[in-house]
Amino acid sequence: MSLRDRNDLLQIAGFAPVYPQTAIGDAALQHVRSALDHILTGHLPYPAIVVDANHDLVLANEAFSLFTDGVAGKLLEPPINVLRLSLHPDGVAPRIINLSSWAQHILDRLPPGDFRDELAAYVPYIEPGPEHVGFAAPMQLRTPRGDLHLTTIITTFATALDVTVAELKLEAFLPADEATAALLTS
């Protein structure tokens, strides 16, 4: 059960929340931001981002510009929702070569509701084929540098005692083949 849910249950029962929720910009979380900045910088030349519980962008490294290049300005106004940015027709979607399988990967992990419905409306549903099975869902992205084949890994603060920190996810994009690694390091 998430820290947010625990706090909600405590409040329903008439108790005060136990876990603080500190704004990411607060001085008390400077060590967290510093650690995340260090990881993002260390992951270069590969893209990496940090998102909150709503999938809104909190931090990104310079290589994330590979995704935002050519995206409509309205999708880059804060808060930038990276799932909307990814699947919106004015976002990254036109450059995702395997959009239907990438979109299905995203949609399969979202709970039912208005936000999932909005994202689903951007892409046609296509029954996943044999390429959908594997150890990870790749993203195939067309860029001015060439086509990139990326896989991702998501990292969280497993021992967080602050709601904000517990809900942060660092997503690091990794080359899925040698050609992509060469393009990103050149």
N, C-alpha and C. Protein backbone atom coordinates (compact mmCIF):
# COMPACT_ATOMS: atom_id res chain seq x y z
N MET A 1 0.85 -1.17 0.00
CA MET A 1 0.00 0.00 0.00
C MET A 1 0.90 1.24 0.00
N SER A 2 0.59 2.18 -0.85
CA SER A 2 1.42 3.37 -0.96
C SER A 2 1.33 4.23 0.30
N LEU A 3 2.33 5.08 0.49
CA LEU A 3 2.32 5.99 1.65
C LEU A 3 1.12 6.92 1.58
N ARG A 4 0.77 7.37 0.38
CA ARG A 4 -0.40 8.24 0.22
C ARG A 4 -1.67 7.52 0.68
N ASP A 5 -1.81 6.27 0.26
CA ASP A 5 -2.99 5.48 0.66
C ASP A 5 -3.01 5.24 2.16
N ARG A 6 -1.87 5.00 2.76
CA ARG A 6 -1.80 4.82 4.22
C ARG A 6 -2.26 6.09 4.93
N ASN A 7 -1.77 7.24 4.46
CA ASN A 7 -2.20 8.52 5.05
C ASN A 7 -3.71 8.70 4.91
N ASP A 8 -4.24 8.37 3.73
CA ASP A 8 -5.68 8.50 3.49
C ASP A 8 -6.48 7.62 4.46
N LEU A 9 -6.03 6.39 4.67
CA LEU A 9 -6.73 5.49 5.59
C LEU A 9 -6.68 6.02 7.02
N LEU A 10 -5.53 6.53 7.41
CA LEU A 10 -5.40 7.11 8.75
C LEU A 10 -6.38 8.27 8.93
N GLN A 11 -6.49 9.13 7.91
CA GLN A 11 -7.41 10.26 8.00
C GLN A 11 -8.86 9.81 8.05
N ILE A 12 -9.21 8.80 7.27
CA ILE A 12 -10.57 8.27 7.30
C ILE A 12 -10.91 7.74 8.70
N ALA A 13 -9.91 7.15 9.35
CA ALA A 13 -10.11 6.60 10.70
C ALA A 13 -10.05 7.67 11.78
N GLY A 14 -9.80 8.93 11.38
CA GLY A 14 -9.77 10.02 12.34
C GLY A 14 -8.41 10.33 12.91
N PHE A 15 -7.36 9.77 12.32
CA PHE A 15 -6.00 10.02 12.78
C PHE A 15 -5.27 10.97 11.83
N ALA A 16 -4.22 11.56 12.34
CA ALA A 16 -3.40 12.45 11.52
C ALA A 16 -2.52 11.60 10.59
N PRO A 17 -2.21 12.12 9.41
CA PRO A 17 -1.30 11.38 8.51
C PRO A 17 0.07 11.23 9.18
N VAL A 18 0.71 10.12 8.92
CA VAL A 18 2.01 9.82 9.51
C VAL A 18 3.15 10.25 8.60
N TYR A 19 2.93 10.10 7.28
CA TYR A 19 4.01 10.34 6.32
C TYR A 19 3.92 11.74 5.75
N PRO A 20 5.01 12.50 5.83
CA PRO A 20 4.99 13.86 5.28
C PRO A 20 4.93 13.84 3.76
N GLN A 21 4.47 14.94 3.20
CA GLN A 21 4.48 15.12 1.75
C GLN A 21 5.16 16.47 1.50
N THR A 22 6.41 16.40 1.14
CA THR A 22 7.24 17.59 0.99
C THR A 22 7.36 17.93 -0.50
N ALA A 23 7.21 19.19 -0.83
CA ALA A 23 7.37 19.61 -2.23
C ALA A 23 8.79 19.31 -2.69
N ILE A 24 8.94 18.85 -3.93
CA ILE A 24 10.26 18.46 -4.44
C ILE A 24 11.25 19.63 -4.43
N GLY A 25 10.77 20.86 -4.51
CA GLY A 25 11.65 22.02 -4.48
C GLY A 25 12.02 22.48 -3.07
N ASP A 26 11.44 21.87 -2.06
CA ASP A 26 11.70 22.24 -0.67
C ASP A 26 13.15 21.92 -0.30
N ALA A 27 13.73 22.76 0.52
CA ALA A 27 15.13 22.57 0.95
C ALA A 27 15.34 21.22 1.63
N ALA A 28 14.32 20.70 2.28
CA ALA A 28 14.44 19.41 2.98
C ALA A 28 14.70 18.26 2.00
N LEU A 29 14.35 18.42 0.74
CA LEU A 29 14.57 17.37 -0.25
C LEU A 29 15.73 17.69 -1.19
N GLN A 30 16.55 18.66 -0.82
CA GLN A 30 17.69 19.02 -1.67
C GLN A 30 18.60 17.82 -1.91
N HIS A 31 18.80 16.98 -0.90
CA HIS A 31 19.66 15.80 -1.08
C HIS A 31 19.07 14.82 -2.08
N VAL A 32 17.74 14.75 -2.14
CA VAL A 32 17.07 13.88 -3.11
C VAL A 32 17.27 14.43 -4.52
N ARG A 33 17.03 15.73 -4.69
CA ARG A 33 17.23 16.36 -6.00
C ARG A 33 18.68 16.23 -6.45
N SER A 34 19.60 16.42 -5.53
CA SER A 34 21.02 16.31 -5.86
C SER A 34 21.36 14.89 -6.33
N ALA A 35 20.84 13.89 -5.65
CA ALA A 35 21.07 12.50 -6.04
C ALA A 35 20.48 12.22 -7.42
N LEU A 36 19.26 12.70 -7.65
CA LEU A 36 18.62 12.49 -8.95
C LEU A 36 19.38 13.21 -10.06
N ASP A 37 19.80 14.45 -9.81
CA ASP A 37 20.60 15.18 -10.80
C ASP A 37 21.89 14.42 -11.14
N HIS A 38 22.51 13.86 -10.13
CA HIS A 38 23.74 13.10 -10.32
C HIS A 38 23.48 11.88 -11.22
N ILE A 39 22.40 11.16 -10.97
CA ILE A 39 22.06 9.98 -11.78
C ILE A 39 21.72 10.39 -13.21
N LEU A 40 20.91 11.45 -13.36
CA LEU A 40 20.53 11.91 -14.70
C LEU A 40 21.76 12.31 -15.52
N THR A 41 22.66 13.04 -14.90
CA THR A 41 23.88 13.46 -15.59
C THR A 41 24.76 12.26 -15.90
N GLY A 42 24.86 11.34 -14.97
CA GLY A 42 25.68 10.15 -15.17
C GLY A 42 25.16 9.23 -16.25
N HIS A 43 23.88 9.34 -16.57
CA HIS A 43 23.28 8.48 -17.58
C HIS A 43 23.51 8.99 -19.00
N LEU A 44 23.98 10.23 -19.13
CA LEU A 44 24.27 10.78 -20.45
C LEU A 44 25.31 9.92 -21.15
N PRO A 45 25.22 9.69 -22.43
CA PRO A 45 24.44 10.40 -23.43
C PRO A 45 23.04 9.83 -23.66
N TYR A 46 22.59 8.96 -22.78
CA TYR A 46 21.27 8.36 -22.94
C TYR A 46 20.22 9.19 -22.20
N PRO A 47 19.00 9.24 -22.73
CA PRO A 47 17.94 10.02 -22.08
C PRO A 47 17.51 9.40 -20.75
N ALA A 48 17.13 10.25 -19.82
CA ALA A 48 16.59 9.81 -18.53
C ALA A 48 15.71 10.93 -17.98
N ILE A 49 14.64 10.52 -17.30
CA ILE A 49 13.68 11.47 -16.74
C ILE A 49 13.26 11.01 -15.34
N VAL A 50 12.71 11.95 -14.59
CA VAL A 50 12.07 11.66 -13.30
C VAL A 50 10.65 12.19 -13.41
N VAL A 51 9.68 11.34 -13.05
CA VAL A 51 8.28 11.74 -13.07
C VAL A 51 7.66 11.53 -11.70
N ASP A 52 6.54 12.22 -11.47
CA ASP A 52 5.80 12.05 -10.21
C ASP A 52 4.68 11.04 -10.40
N ALA A 53 3.81 10.92 -9.42
CA ALA A 53 2.74 9.92 -9.45
C ALA A 53 1.76 10.13 -10.60
N ASN A 54 1.66 11.35 -11.10
CA ASN A 54 0.76 11.66 -12.22
C ASN A 54 1.46 11.54 -13.57
N HIS A 55 2.70 11.09 -13.56
CA HIS A 55 3.52 10.98 -14.77
C HIS A 55 3.90 12.36 -15.31
N ASP A 56 3.93 13.35 -14.42
CA ASP A 56 4.37 14.69 -14.81
C ASP A 56 5.88 14.77 -14.64
N LEU A 57 6.53 15.41 -15.61
CA LEU A 57 7.98 15.53 -15.61
C LEU A 57 8.45 16.38 -14.43
N VAL A 58 9.38 15.84 -13.67
CA VAL A 58 9.98 16.56 -12.55
C VAL A 58 11.39 17.02 -12.93
N LEU A 59 12.16 16.12 -13.52
CA LEU A 59 13.53 16.41 -13.95
C LEU A 59 13.82 15.61 -15.21
N ALA A 60 14.78 16.10 -16.00
CA ALA A 60 15.21 15.37 -17.19
C ALA A 60 16.65 15.74 -17.48
N ASN A 61 17.36 14.83 -18.13
CA ASN A 61 18.71 15.19 -18.56
C ASN A 61 18.65 15.77 -19.97
N GLU A 62 19.78 16.28 -20.44
CA GLU A 62 19.83 16.96 -21.74
C GLU A 62 19.43 16.05 -22.90
N ALA A 63 19.68 14.77 -22.80
CA ALA A 63 19.37 13.84 -23.89
C ALA A 63 17.87 13.65 -24.08
N PHE A 64 17.08 14.06 -23.11
CA PHE A 64 15.63 13.95 -23.25
C PHE A 64 15.13 14.82 -24.41
N SER A 65 15.94 15.76 -24.85
CA SER A 65 15.55 16.62 -25.98
C SER A 65 15.32 15.79 -27.25
N LEU A 66 15.85 14.59 -27.31
CA LEU A 66 15.57 13.69 -28.44
C LEU A 66 14.07 13.44 -28.57
N PHE A 67 13.37 13.43 -27.43
CA PHE A 67 11.94 13.18 -27.44
C PHE A 67 11.14 14.45 -27.71
N THR A 68 11.61 15.58 -27.25
CA THR A 68 10.82 16.81 -27.34
C THR A 68 11.03 17.57 -28.64
N ASP A 69 12.00 17.17 -29.43
CA ASP A 69 12.26 17.83 -30.69
C ASP A 69 11.04 17.75 -31.61
N GLY A 70 10.53 18.90 -32.03
CA GLY A 70 9.40 18.96 -32.95
C GLY A 70 8.03 18.78 -32.32
N VAL A 71 7.97 18.70 -31.00
CA VAL A 71 6.70 18.53 -30.29
C VAL A 71 5.99 19.87 -30.19
N ALA A 72 4.66 19.85 -30.27
CA ALA A 72 3.86 21.08 -30.14
C ALA A 72 4.12 21.74 -28.79
N GLY A 73 4.26 23.06 -28.81
CA GLY A 73 4.55 23.82 -27.60
C GLY A 73 3.58 23.59 -26.47
N LYS A 74 2.29 23.39 -26.79
CA LYS A 74 1.29 23.20 -25.73
C LYS A 74 1.58 21.96 -24.89
N LEU A 75 2.23 20.96 -25.47
CA LEU A 75 2.55 19.74 -24.71
C LEU A 75 3.80 19.91 -23.86
N LEU A 76 4.53 21.01 -24.07
CA LEU A 76 5.74 21.26 -23.30
C LEU A 76 5.55 22.31 -22.22
N GLU A 77 4.29 22.74 -22.04
CA GLU A 77 3.99 23.69 -20.97
C GLU A 77 3.80 22.92 -19.66
N PRO A 78 4.44 23.38 -18.58
CA PRO A 78 4.30 22.68 -17.30
C PRO A 78 2.85 22.68 -16.81
N PRO A 79 2.43 21.60 -16.18
CA PRO A 79 3.19 20.36 -16.00
C PRO A 79 3.19 19.53 -17.28
N ILE A 80 4.36 19.02 -17.63
CA ILE A 80 4.50 18.19 -18.83
C ILE A 80 4.20 16.75 -18.44
N ASN A 81 3.11 16.23 -18.95
CA ASN A 81 2.77 14.83 -18.69
C ASN A 81 3.46 13.98 -19.75
N VAL A 82 4.38 13.13 -19.33
CA VAL A 82 5.20 12.39 -20.30
C VAL A 82 4.40 11.32 -21.05
N LEU A 83 3.33 10.81 -20.47
CA LEU A 83 2.51 9.84 -21.19
C LEU A 83 1.72 10.52 -22.29
N ARG A 84 1.16 11.68 -21.98
CA ARG A 84 0.45 12.47 -23.00
C ARG A 84 1.45 12.91 -24.07
N LEU A 85 2.61 13.38 -23.67
CA LEU A 85 3.66 13.79 -24.59
C LEU A 85 4.02 12.64 -25.54
N SER A 86 4.07 11.44 -25.01
CA SER A 86 4.44 10.27 -25.79
C SER A 86 3.38 9.87 -26.81
N LEU A 87 2.09 9.89 -26.42
CA LEU A 87 1.04 9.34 -27.27
C LEU A 87 0.22 10.36 -28.05
N HIS A 88 0.31 11.62 -27.71
CA HIS A 88 -0.48 12.65 -28.39
C HIS A 88 -0.01 12.80 -29.84
N PRO A 89 -0.97 12.98 -30.78
CA PRO A 89 -0.59 13.14 -32.19
C PRO A 89 0.31 14.35 -32.45
N ASP A 90 0.29 15.36 -31.58
CA ASP A 90 1.16 16.52 -31.73
C ASP A 90 2.44 16.36 -30.90
N GLY A 91 2.60 15.19 -30.28
CA GLY A 91 3.76 14.92 -29.44
C GLY A 91 4.76 14.03 -30.14
N VAL A 92 5.24 13.05 -29.42
CA VAL A 92 6.26 12.15 -29.93
C VAL A 92 5.66 11.07 -30.83
N ALA A 93 4.38 10.79 -30.68
CA ALA A 93 3.72 9.67 -31.37
C ALA A 93 4.05 9.54 -32.86
N PRO A 94 4.04 10.62 -33.64
CA PRO A 94 4.34 10.45 -35.07
C PRO A 94 5.75 9.92 -35.35
N ARG A 95 6.63 10.01 -34.38
CA ARG A 95 8.01 9.54 -34.58
C ARG A 95 8.26 8.17 -33.95
N ILE A 96 7.24 7.62 -33.26
CA ILE A 96 7.40 6.28 -32.67
C ILE A 96 7.02 5.26 -33.74
N ILE A 97 8.00 4.54 -34.20
CA ILE A 97 7.82 3.59 -35.30
C ILE A 97 6.86 2.47 -34.90
N ASN A 98 6.99 1.97 -33.69
CA ASN A 98 6.14 0.90 -33.18
C ASN A 98 5.08 1.45 -32.22
N LEU A 99 4.39 2.50 -32.68
CA LEU A 99 3.45 3.22 -31.82
C LEU A 99 2.38 2.32 -31.22
N SER A 100 1.79 1.44 -32.00
CA SER A 100 0.69 0.64 -31.45
C SER A 100 1.15 -0.24 -30.30
N SER A 101 2.30 -0.90 -30.43
CA SER A 101 2.75 -1.75 -29.33
C SER A 101 3.27 -0.92 -28.16
N TRP A 102 3.93 0.22 -28.43
CA TRP A 102 4.40 1.08 -27.35
C TRP A 102 3.21 1.66 -26.59
N ALA A 103 2.19 2.10 -27.32
CA ALA A 103 0.99 2.65 -26.68
C ALA A 103 0.30 1.59 -25.83
N GLN A 104 0.20 0.38 -26.36
CA GLN A 104 -0.45 -0.68 -25.60
C GLN A 104 0.32 -0.98 -24.32
N HIS A 105 1.65 -0.94 -24.40
CA HIS A 105 2.50 -1.11 -23.22
C HIS A 105 2.16 -0.07 -22.15
N ILE A 106 1.98 1.16 -22.55
CA ILE A 106 1.64 2.23 -21.62
C ILE A 106 0.22 2.04 -21.08
N LEU A 107 -0.72 1.82 -21.96
CA LEU A 107 -2.13 1.71 -21.56
C LEU A 107 -2.38 0.52 -20.65
N ASP A 108 -1.69 -0.58 -20.87
CA ASP A 108 -1.86 -1.78 -20.04
C ASP A 108 -1.51 -1.53 -18.58
N ARG A 109 -0.70 -0.51 -18.31
CA ARG A 109 -0.23 -0.25 -16.95
C ARG A 109 -1.01 0.86 -16.24
N LEU A 110 -2.00 1.42 -16.92
CA LEU A 110 -2.78 2.50 -16.33
C LEU A 110 -4.12 1.98 -15.81
N PRO A 111 -4.58 2.50 -14.69
CA PRO A 111 -5.90 2.10 -14.20
C PRO A 111 -7.00 2.69 -15.09
N PRO A 112 -8.17 2.04 -15.12
CA PRO A 112 -9.28 2.60 -15.90
C PRO A 112 -9.62 4.00 -15.41
N GLY A 113 -10.06 4.85 -16.32
CA GLY A 113 -10.44 6.21 -15.94
C GLY A 113 -10.28 7.17 -17.10
N ASP A 114 -10.58 8.42 -16.80
CA ASP A 114 -10.58 9.46 -17.82
C ASP A 114 -9.22 9.63 -18.50
N PHE A 115 -8.14 9.59 -17.70
CA PHE A 115 -6.81 9.81 -18.28
C PHE A 115 -6.45 8.67 -19.23
N ARG A 116 -6.71 7.43 -18.82
CA ARG A 116 -6.44 6.28 -19.69
C ARG A 116 -7.28 6.38 -20.96
N ASP A 117 -8.55 6.76 -20.82
CA ASP A 117 -9.43 6.91 -21.98
C ASP A 117 -8.91 7.98 -22.94
N GLU A 118 -8.43 9.09 -22.38
CA GLU A 118 -7.87 10.16 -23.22
C GLU A 118 -6.70 9.64 -24.04
N LEU A 119 -5.77 8.95 -23.37
CA LEU A 119 -4.59 8.44 -24.07
C LEU A 119 -4.97 7.38 -25.10
N ALA A 120 -5.91 6.51 -24.76
CA ALA A 120 -6.33 5.45 -25.67
C ALA A 120 -6.96 6.03 -26.94
N ALA A 121 -7.60 7.18 -26.82
CA ALA A 121 -8.25 7.80 -27.97
C ALA A 121 -7.22 8.33 -28.98
N TYR A 122 -5.98 8.52 -28.56
CA TYR A 122 -4.96 9.04 -29.47
C TYR A 122 -4.43 7.98 -30.44
N VAL A 123 -4.52 6.71 -30.06
CA VAL A 123 -3.92 5.66 -30.88
C VAL A 123 -4.93 4.54 -31.14
N PRO A 124 -4.91 4.00 -32.33
CA PRO A 124 -5.83 2.88 -32.59
C PRO A 124 -5.34 1.63 -31.87
N TYR A 125 -6.29 0.83 -31.40
CA TYR A 125 -5.91 -0.42 -30.74
C TYR A 125 -5.59 -1.45 -31.81
N ILE A 126 -4.46 -2.08 -31.65
CA ILE A 126 -4.06 -3.17 -32.52
C ILE A 126 -3.70 -4.34 -31.63
N GLU A 127 -4.26 -5.49 -31.94
CA GLU A 127 -3.97 -6.70 -31.15
C GLU A 127 -2.46 -6.94 -31.16
N PRO A 128 -1.86 -7.09 -29.97
CA PRO A 128 -0.41 -7.32 -29.93
C PRO A 128 -0.02 -8.59 -30.66
N GLY A 129 1.05 -8.50 -31.43
CA GLY A 129 1.56 -9.64 -32.20
C GLY A 129 2.69 -10.33 -31.46
N PRO A 130 3.38 -11.24 -32.14
CA PRO A 130 4.45 -12.00 -31.49
C PRO A 130 5.62 -11.12 -31.02
N GLU A 131 5.80 -9.97 -31.66
CA GLU A 131 6.89 -9.07 -31.25
C GLU A 131 6.61 -8.41 -29.90
N HIS A 132 5.36 -8.54 -29.41
CA HIS A 132 4.97 -7.94 -28.13
C HIS A 132 5.55 -8.72 -26.94
N VAL A 133 5.98 -9.95 -27.19
CA VAL A 133 6.51 -10.78 -26.12
C VAL A 133 8.03 -10.66 -26.11
N GLY A 134 8.57 -10.48 -24.94
CA GLY A 134 10.01 -10.37 -24.80
C GLY A 134 10.34 -9.95 -23.38
N PHE A 135 11.59 -9.66 -23.12
CA PHE A 135 11.94 -9.29 -21.76
C PHE A 135 11.57 -7.85 -21.44
N ALA A 136 11.39 -7.02 -22.46
CA ALA A 136 11.03 -5.62 -22.25
C ALA A 136 10.35 -5.08 -23.50
N ALA A 137 9.49 -4.09 -23.30
CA ALA A 137 8.83 -3.44 -24.44
C ALA A 137 9.76 -2.38 -25.00
N PRO A 138 10.25 -2.56 -26.21
CA PRO A 138 11.15 -1.56 -26.79
C PRO A 138 10.38 -0.37 -27.34
N MET A 139 11.06 0.76 -27.46
CA MET A 139 10.52 1.91 -28.18
C MET A 139 11.43 2.13 -29.37
N GLN A 140 10.82 2.22 -30.53
CA GLN A 140 11.57 2.50 -31.74
C GLN A 140 11.24 3.93 -32.14
N LEU A 141 12.23 4.81 -32.05
CA LEU A 141 12.02 6.24 -32.23
C LEU A 141 12.80 6.77 -33.42
N ARG A 142 12.09 7.45 -34.31
CA ARG A 142 12.72 8.11 -35.46
C ARG A 142 13.24 9.47 -35.00
N THR A 143 14.52 9.73 -35.22
CA THR A 143 15.14 11.01 -34.85
C THR A 143 15.98 11.50 -36.01
N PRO A 144 16.37 12.79 -35.99
CA PRO A 144 17.27 13.29 -37.04
C PRO A 144 18.60 12.54 -37.09
N ARG A 145 19.01 11.94 -35.97
CA ARG A 145 20.26 11.18 -35.94
C ARG A 145 20.12 9.80 -36.59
N GLY A 146 18.86 9.32 -36.69
CA GLY A 146 18.59 7.98 -37.18
C GLY A 146 17.58 7.31 -36.27
N ASP A 147 17.16 6.11 -36.64
CA ASP A 147 16.19 5.37 -35.84
C ASP A 147 16.87 4.79 -34.61
N LEU A 148 16.23 5.02 -33.45
CA LEU A 148 16.76 4.52 -32.18
C LEU A 148 15.87 3.39 -31.67
N HIS A 149 16.48 2.37 -31.13
CA HIS A 149 15.77 1.26 -30.50
C HIS A 149 16.15 1.30 -29.02
N LEU A 150 15.16 1.66 -28.19
CA LEU A 150 15.41 1.90 -26.77
C LEU A 150 14.59 0.96 -25.90
N THR A 151 15.14 0.63 -24.76
CA THR A 151 14.39 -0.05 -23.72
C THR A 151 14.54 0.80 -22.47
N THR A 152 13.68 0.59 -21.49
CA THR A 152 13.74 1.44 -20.31
C THR A 152 13.83 0.62 -19.04
N ILE A 153 14.35 1.28 -18.03
CA ILE A 153 14.37 0.72 -16.68
C ILE A 153 13.84 1.80 -15.75
N ILE A 154 13.01 1.41 -14.81
CA ILE A 154 12.43 2.37 -13.88
C ILE A 154 12.96 2.09 -12.48
N THR A 155 13.41 3.15 -11.83
CA THR A 155 13.98 3.07 -10.49
C THR A 155 13.15 3.92 -9.53
N THR A 156 12.97 3.42 -8.32
CA THR A 156 12.24 4.17 -7.30
C THR A 156 13.05 4.18 -6.01
N PHE A 157 12.65 5.05 -5.09
CA PHE A 157 13.23 5.06 -3.75
C PHE A 157 12.44 4.05 -2.92
N ALA A 158 12.95 2.86 -2.77
CA ALA A 158 12.22 1.78 -2.11
C ALA A 158 12.02 2.01 -0.62
N THR A 159 12.87 2.79 0.01
CA THR A 159 12.77 2.99 1.46
C THR A 159 12.27 4.39 1.83
N ALA A 160 11.65 5.06 0.89
CA ALA A 160 11.19 6.44 1.13
C ALA A 160 10.14 6.49 2.23
N LEU A 161 10.22 7.53 3.04
CA LEU A 161 9.23 7.76 4.10
C LEU A 161 8.50 9.08 3.89
N ASP A 162 8.70 9.69 2.73
CA ASP A 162 8.01 10.91 2.35
C ASP A 162 7.16 10.56 1.12
N VAL A 163 5.91 10.99 1.10
CA VAL A 163 4.99 10.66 0.01
C VAL A 163 5.56 11.09 -1.34
N THR A 164 6.07 12.30 -1.43
CA THR A 164 6.61 12.81 -2.69
C THR A 164 7.74 11.94 -3.19
N VAL A 165 8.67 11.62 -2.32
CA VAL A 165 9.84 10.83 -2.71
C VAL A 165 9.41 9.41 -3.10
N ALA A 166 8.48 8.84 -2.36
CA ALA A 166 8.01 7.48 -2.65
C ALA A 166 7.34 7.39 -4.01
N GLU A 167 6.75 8.47 -4.47
CA GLU A 167 6.03 8.46 -5.74
C GLU A 167 6.90 8.81 -6.95
N LEU A 168 8.14 9.22 -6.73
CA LEU A 168 9.03 9.55 -7.84
C LEU A 168 9.49 8.28 -8.56
N LYS A 169 9.56 8.38 -9.88
CA LYS A 169 10.08 7.27 -10.70
C LYS A 169 11.12 7.85 -11.64
N LEU A 170 12.30 7.24 -11.63
CA LEU A 170 13.35 7.62 -12.56
C LEU A 170 13.32 6.61 -13.69
N GLU A 171 13.08 7.08 -14.91
CA GLU A 171 13.05 6.21 -16.07
C GLU A 171 14.28 6.49 -16.93
N ALA A 172 15.11 5.48 -17.08
CA ALA A 172 16.33 5.59 -17.85
C ALA A 172 16.17 4.81 -19.15
N PHE A 173 16.42 5.48 -20.27
CA PHE A 173 16.32 4.85 -21.59
C PHE A 173 17.70 4.30 -21.96
N LEU A 174 17.71 3.05 -22.39
CA LEU A 174 18.95 2.37 -22.71
C LEU A 174 18.92 1.90 -24.16
N PRO A 175 20.06 1.89 -24.83
CA PRO A 175 20.08 1.39 -26.21
C PRO A 175 19.78 -0.11 -26.22
N ALA A 176 18.90 -0.52 -27.13
CA ALA A 176 18.54 -1.93 -27.24
C ALA A 176 19.39 -2.66 -28.27
N ASP A 177 20.25 -1.91 -28.96
CA ASP A 177 21.15 -2.53 -29.92
C ASP A 177 22.41 -1.66 -30.07
N GLU A 178 23.41 -2.23 -30.72
CA GLU A 178 24.70 -1.52 -30.88
C GLU A 178 24.57 -0.30 -31.76
N ALA A 179 23.70 -0.35 -32.77
CA ALA A 179 23.53 0.80 -33.67
C ALA A 179 22.98 2.00 -32.89
N THR A 180 22.03 1.77 -32.00
CA THR A 180 21.48 2.85 -31.19
C THR A 180 22.53 3.40 -30.23
N ALA A 181 23.28 2.54 -29.61
CA ALA A 181 24.36 2.99 -28.71
C ALA A 181 25.35 3.87 -29.47
N ALA A 182 25.69 3.47 -30.69
CA ALA A 182 26.63 4.25 -31.49
C ALA A 182 26.05 5.61 -31.86
N LEU A 183 24.76 5.64 -32.25
CA LEU A 183 24.12 6.91 -32.60
C LEU A 183 24.07 7.86 -31.40
N LEU A 184 23.77 7.32 -30.23
CA LEU A 184 23.64 8.17 -29.04
C LEU A 184 24.98 8.65 -28.51
N THR A 185 26.03 7.90 -28.73
CA THR A 185 27.35 8.31 -28.22
C THR A 185 28.12 9.16 -29.21
N SER A 186 27.62 9.26 -30.47
CA SER A 186 28.35 10.05 -31.47
C SER A 186 28.08 11.53 -31.30
